[in-house]
Amino acid sequence: MSEVIAVEQRSNTAAVVSISLAILGFVFSLIPLFGWLLLPVWILAIVIGIIGLFKQYNRGFAIFGIGIGLFTFIYKFSFLQALFG
């Protein structure tokens, strides 16, 4: 008889989406004026990254997604403060 071995692939979709949105938001935030339109993308990257932290595997992507999202958020607002402050 032959045995069937089922392999369950674990993926943390929230973490992958978080890092993807964070990188996309960061890259486009470097474009003047257009980068501010992606404010919801930065916030989504942070929120989805926090959701991804609750999974027990592939938490690194979630941490990087949160980090890049927060960095972009702080970068844009500090630039705005330096410009008008």
N, C-alpha and C. Protein backbone atom coordinates (compact mmCIF):
# COMPACT_ATOMS: atom_id res chain seq x y z
N MET A 1 0.83 -1.19 0.00
CA MET A 1 0.00 0.00 0.00
C MET A 1 0.87 1.25 0.00
N SER A 2 0.36 2.25 -0.62
CA SER A 2 1.08 3.53 -0.62
C SER A 2 0.40 4.50 0.34
N GLU A 3 1.22 5.25 1.00
CA GLU A 3 0.70 6.22 1.96
C GLU A 3 0.67 7.61 1.31
N VAL A 4 -0.34 8.33 1.66
CA VAL A 4 -0.46 9.71 1.17
C VAL A 4 -0.03 10.64 2.30
N ILE A 5 0.93 11.47 1.99
CA ILE A 5 1.43 12.41 2.98
C ILE A 5 0.94 13.80 2.58
N ALA A 6 0.16 14.38 3.44
CA ALA A 6 -0.35 15.73 3.19
C ALA A 6 0.53 16.74 3.92
N VAL A 7 0.99 17.72 3.19
CA VAL A 7 1.82 18.75 3.77
C VAL A 7 1.02 20.04 3.81
N GLU A 8 0.89 20.57 5.00
CA GLU A 8 0.15 21.82 5.15
C GLU A 8 1.13 22.98 5.03
N GLN A 9 0.87 23.85 4.07
CA GLN A 9 1.72 25.01 3.92
C GLN A 9 1.18 26.13 4.78
N ARG A 10 2.04 26.65 5.61
CA ARG A 10 1.64 27.75 6.48
C ARG A 10 2.08 29.05 5.84
N SER A 11 1.17 29.97 5.81
CA SER A 11 1.53 31.29 5.32
C SER A 11 0.82 32.33 6.16
N ASN A 12 1.46 33.43 6.35
CA ASN A 12 0.91 34.53 7.10
C ASN A 12 0.55 35.62 6.08
N THR A 13 -0.62 35.50 5.52
CA THR A 13 -1.05 36.40 4.46
C THR A 13 -1.09 37.84 4.93
N ALA A 14 -1.51 38.06 6.16
CA ALA A 14 -1.57 39.43 6.69
C ALA A 14 -0.18 40.05 6.73
N ALA A 15 0.82 39.28 7.10
CA ALA A 15 2.18 39.81 7.16
C ALA A 15 2.71 40.15 5.77
N VAL A 16 2.42 39.30 4.80
CA VAL A 16 2.88 39.55 3.43
C VAL A 16 2.19 40.79 2.87
N VAL A 17 0.89 40.93 3.12
CA VAL A 17 0.16 42.11 2.66
C VAL A 17 0.70 43.36 3.35
N SER A 18 1.02 43.25 4.63
CA SER A 18 1.54 44.38 5.39
C SER A 18 2.86 44.88 4.82
N ILE A 19 3.79 43.98 4.59
CA ILE A 19 5.09 44.42 4.07
C ILE A 19 4.97 44.92 2.63
N SER A 20 4.07 44.34 1.86
CA SER A 20 3.86 44.81 0.49
C SER A 20 3.31 46.23 0.48
N LEU A 21 2.30 46.48 1.30
CA LEU A 21 1.73 47.83 1.38
C LEU A 21 2.74 48.83 1.93
N ALA A 22 3.53 48.41 2.90
CA ALA A 22 4.52 49.31 3.48
C ALA A 22 5.58 49.71 2.47
N ILE A 23 6.07 48.74 1.71
CA ILE A 23 7.09 49.06 0.69
C ILE A 23 6.48 49.92 -0.41
N LEU A 24 5.29 49.60 -0.85
CA LEU A 24 4.61 50.39 -1.87
C LEU A 24 4.39 51.82 -1.37
N GLY A 25 3.92 51.95 -0.14
CA GLY A 25 3.68 53.27 0.44
C GLY A 25 4.96 54.07 0.59
N PHE A 26 6.05 53.41 0.99
CA PHE A 26 7.31 54.12 1.16
C PHE A 26 7.86 54.61 -0.18
N VAL A 27 7.86 53.74 -1.17
CA VAL A 27 8.41 54.12 -2.47
C VAL A 27 7.64 55.29 -3.07
N PHE A 28 6.31 55.23 -3.00
CA PHE A 28 5.52 56.31 -3.58
C PHE A 28 5.47 57.54 -2.68
N SER A 29 5.85 57.41 -1.42
CA SER A 29 5.87 58.58 -0.56
C SER A 29 7.03 59.51 -0.90
N LEU A 30 8.00 59.01 -1.63
CA LEU A 30 9.13 59.84 -2.04
C LEU A 30 8.77 60.81 -3.16
N ILE A 31 7.62 60.61 -3.78
CA ILE A 31 7.15 61.51 -4.83
C ILE A 31 6.43 62.68 -4.16
N PRO A 32 6.87 63.90 -4.39
CA PRO A 32 6.22 65.04 -3.73
C PRO A 32 4.73 65.13 -4.07
N LEU A 33 3.96 65.50 -3.10
CA LEU A 33 2.50 65.68 -3.16
C LEU A 33 1.74 64.38 -3.38
N PHE A 34 2.20 63.52 -4.26
CA PHE A 34 1.51 62.25 -4.51
C PHE A 34 1.62 61.33 -3.31
N GLY A 35 2.73 61.42 -2.58
CA GLY A 35 2.94 60.55 -1.43
C GLY A 35 1.90 60.71 -0.35
N TRP A 36 1.34 61.91 -0.21
CA TRP A 36 0.32 62.14 0.82
C TRP A 36 -0.98 61.44 0.50
N LEU A 37 -1.22 61.13 -0.76
CA LEU A 37 -2.44 60.41 -1.12
C LEU A 37 -2.41 58.97 -0.61
N LEU A 38 -1.22 58.49 -0.28
CA LEU A 38 -1.08 57.11 0.18
C LEU A 38 -1.08 56.99 1.70
N LEU A 39 -1.54 58.01 2.39
CA LEU A 39 -1.66 57.96 3.84
C LEU A 39 -2.48 56.76 4.30
N PRO A 40 -3.61 56.44 3.67
CA PRO A 40 -4.35 55.23 4.08
C PRO A 40 -3.55 53.94 3.88
N VAL A 41 -2.66 53.92 2.91
CA VAL A 41 -1.85 52.72 2.67
C VAL A 41 -0.87 52.52 3.82
N TRP A 42 -0.28 53.59 4.33
CA TRP A 42 0.64 53.47 5.47
C TRP A 42 -0.11 52.95 6.69
N ILE A 43 -1.27 53.52 6.92
CA ILE A 43 -2.06 53.11 8.08
C ILE A 43 -2.50 51.65 7.95
N LEU A 44 -2.93 51.26 6.74
CA LEU A 44 -3.31 49.85 6.52
C LEU A 44 -2.12 48.91 6.73
N ALA A 45 -0.95 49.32 6.30
CA ALA A 45 0.24 48.48 6.49
C ALA A 45 0.50 48.25 7.97
N ILE A 46 0.33 49.28 8.77
CA ILE A 46 0.56 49.15 10.21
C ILE A 46 -0.52 48.27 10.84
N VAL A 47 -1.78 48.52 10.51
CA VAL A 47 -2.88 47.76 11.11
C VAL A 47 -2.83 46.29 10.70
N ILE A 48 -2.62 46.03 9.43
CA ILE A 48 -2.55 44.64 8.96
C ILE A 48 -1.31 43.94 9.51
N GLY A 49 -0.23 44.69 9.70
CA GLY A 49 0.96 44.11 10.33
C GLY A 49 0.70 43.69 11.76
N ILE A 50 -0.07 44.51 12.49
CA ILE A 50 -0.43 44.14 13.86
C ILE A 50 -1.29 42.88 13.86
N ILE A 51 -2.19 42.77 12.89
CA ILE A 51 -2.99 41.55 12.77
C ILE A 51 -2.09 40.35 12.48
N GLY A 52 -1.09 40.55 11.62
CA GLY A 52 -0.16 39.48 11.29
C GLY A 52 0.70 39.03 12.46
N LEU A 53 0.88 39.88 13.46
CA LEU A 53 1.66 39.49 14.63
C LEU A 53 0.97 38.44 15.47
N PHE A 54 -0.34 38.33 15.36
CA PHE A 54 -1.07 37.35 16.15
C PHE A 54 -0.92 35.93 15.62
N LYS A 55 -0.40 35.76 14.41
CA LYS A 55 -0.12 34.43 13.89
C LYS A 55 1.18 33.93 14.52
N GLN A 56 1.34 32.64 14.58
CA GLN A 56 2.50 32.07 15.25
C GLN A 56 3.68 31.82 14.30
N TYR A 57 3.54 32.15 13.04
CA TYR A 57 4.60 31.88 12.09
C TYR A 57 4.73 33.05 11.13
N ASN A 58 5.91 33.21 10.57
CA ASN A 58 6.25 34.30 9.64
C ASN A 58 5.92 35.66 10.22
N ARG A 59 6.29 35.88 11.46
CA ARG A 59 6.01 37.16 12.10
C ARG A 59 7.01 38.22 11.69
N GLY A 60 8.12 37.82 11.09
CA GLY A 60 9.14 38.78 10.66
C GLY A 60 8.62 39.76 9.63
N PHE A 61 7.85 39.26 8.67
CA PHE A 61 7.26 40.14 7.66
C PHE A 61 6.32 41.14 8.30
N ALA A 62 5.58 40.71 9.29
CA ALA A 62 4.65 41.61 9.98
C ALA A 62 5.42 42.69 10.72
N ILE A 63 6.50 42.32 11.36
CA ILE A 63 7.31 43.29 12.09
C ILE A 63 7.93 44.29 11.13
N PHE A 64 8.45 43.82 10.01
CA PHE A 64 9.03 44.73 9.03
C PHE A 64 7.96 45.62 8.39
N GLY A 65 6.78 45.07 8.15
CA GLY A 65 5.69 45.87 7.60
C GLY A 65 5.30 46.99 8.54
N ILE A 66 5.21 46.68 9.83
CA ILE A 66 4.89 47.71 10.83
C ILE A 66 6.02 48.74 10.89
N GLY A 67 7.24 48.27 10.88
CA GLY A 67 8.40 49.17 10.97
C GLY A 67 8.49 50.12 9.79
N ILE A 68 8.33 49.60 8.58
CA ILE A 68 8.41 50.45 7.40
C ILE A 68 7.22 51.40 7.35
N GLY A 69 6.04 50.93 7.72
CA GLY A 69 4.87 51.79 7.75
C GLY A 69 5.03 52.93 8.75
N LEU A 70 5.53 52.61 9.95
CA LEU A 70 5.76 53.65 10.96
C LEU A 70 6.86 54.62 10.53
N PHE A 71 7.92 54.08 9.93
CA PHE A 71 9.00 54.94 9.46
C PHE A 71 8.49 55.92 8.41
N THR A 72 7.70 55.44 7.47
CA THR A 72 7.16 56.31 6.43
C THR A 72 6.24 57.36 7.04
N PHE A 73 5.42 56.95 7.97
CA PHE A 73 4.50 57.87 8.64
C PHE A 73 5.27 58.97 9.35
N ILE A 74 6.28 58.59 10.13
CA ILE A 74 7.07 59.56 10.88
C ILE A 74 7.89 60.44 9.93
N TYR A 75 8.45 59.83 8.89
CA TYR A 75 9.24 60.57 7.90
C TYR A 75 8.42 61.67 7.24
N LYS A 76 7.22 61.35 6.79
CA LYS A 76 6.40 62.33 6.09
C LYS A 76 5.93 63.44 7.03
N PHE A 77 5.55 63.09 8.25
CA PHE A 77 5.08 64.12 9.17
C PHE A 77 6.21 64.97 9.72
N SER A 78 7.40 64.40 9.88
CA SER A 78 8.54 65.22 10.31
C SER A 78 8.98 66.15 9.18
N PHE A 79 8.88 65.69 7.96
CA PHE A 79 9.18 66.55 6.81
C PHE A 79 8.18 67.70 6.73
N LEU A 80 6.92 67.41 6.99
CA LEU A 80 5.89 68.44 7.00
C LEU A 80 6.14 69.44 8.12
N GLN A 81 6.55 68.94 9.29
CA GLN A 81 6.85 69.82 10.41
C GLN A 81 8.06 70.70 10.09
N ALA A 82 9.08 70.14 9.47
CA ALA A 82 10.26 70.92 9.12
C ALA A 82 9.94 71.96 8.05
N LEU A 83 9.03 71.63 7.18
CA LEU A 83 8.68 72.54 6.09
C LEU A 83 7.85 73.73 6.58
N PHE A 84 6.88 73.45 7.46
CA PHE A 84 5.98 74.51 7.91
C PHE A 84 6.17 74.90 9.37
N GLY A 85 7.03 74.22 10.09
CA GLY A 85 7.16 74.43 11.51
C GLY A 85 8.05 75.54 11.87
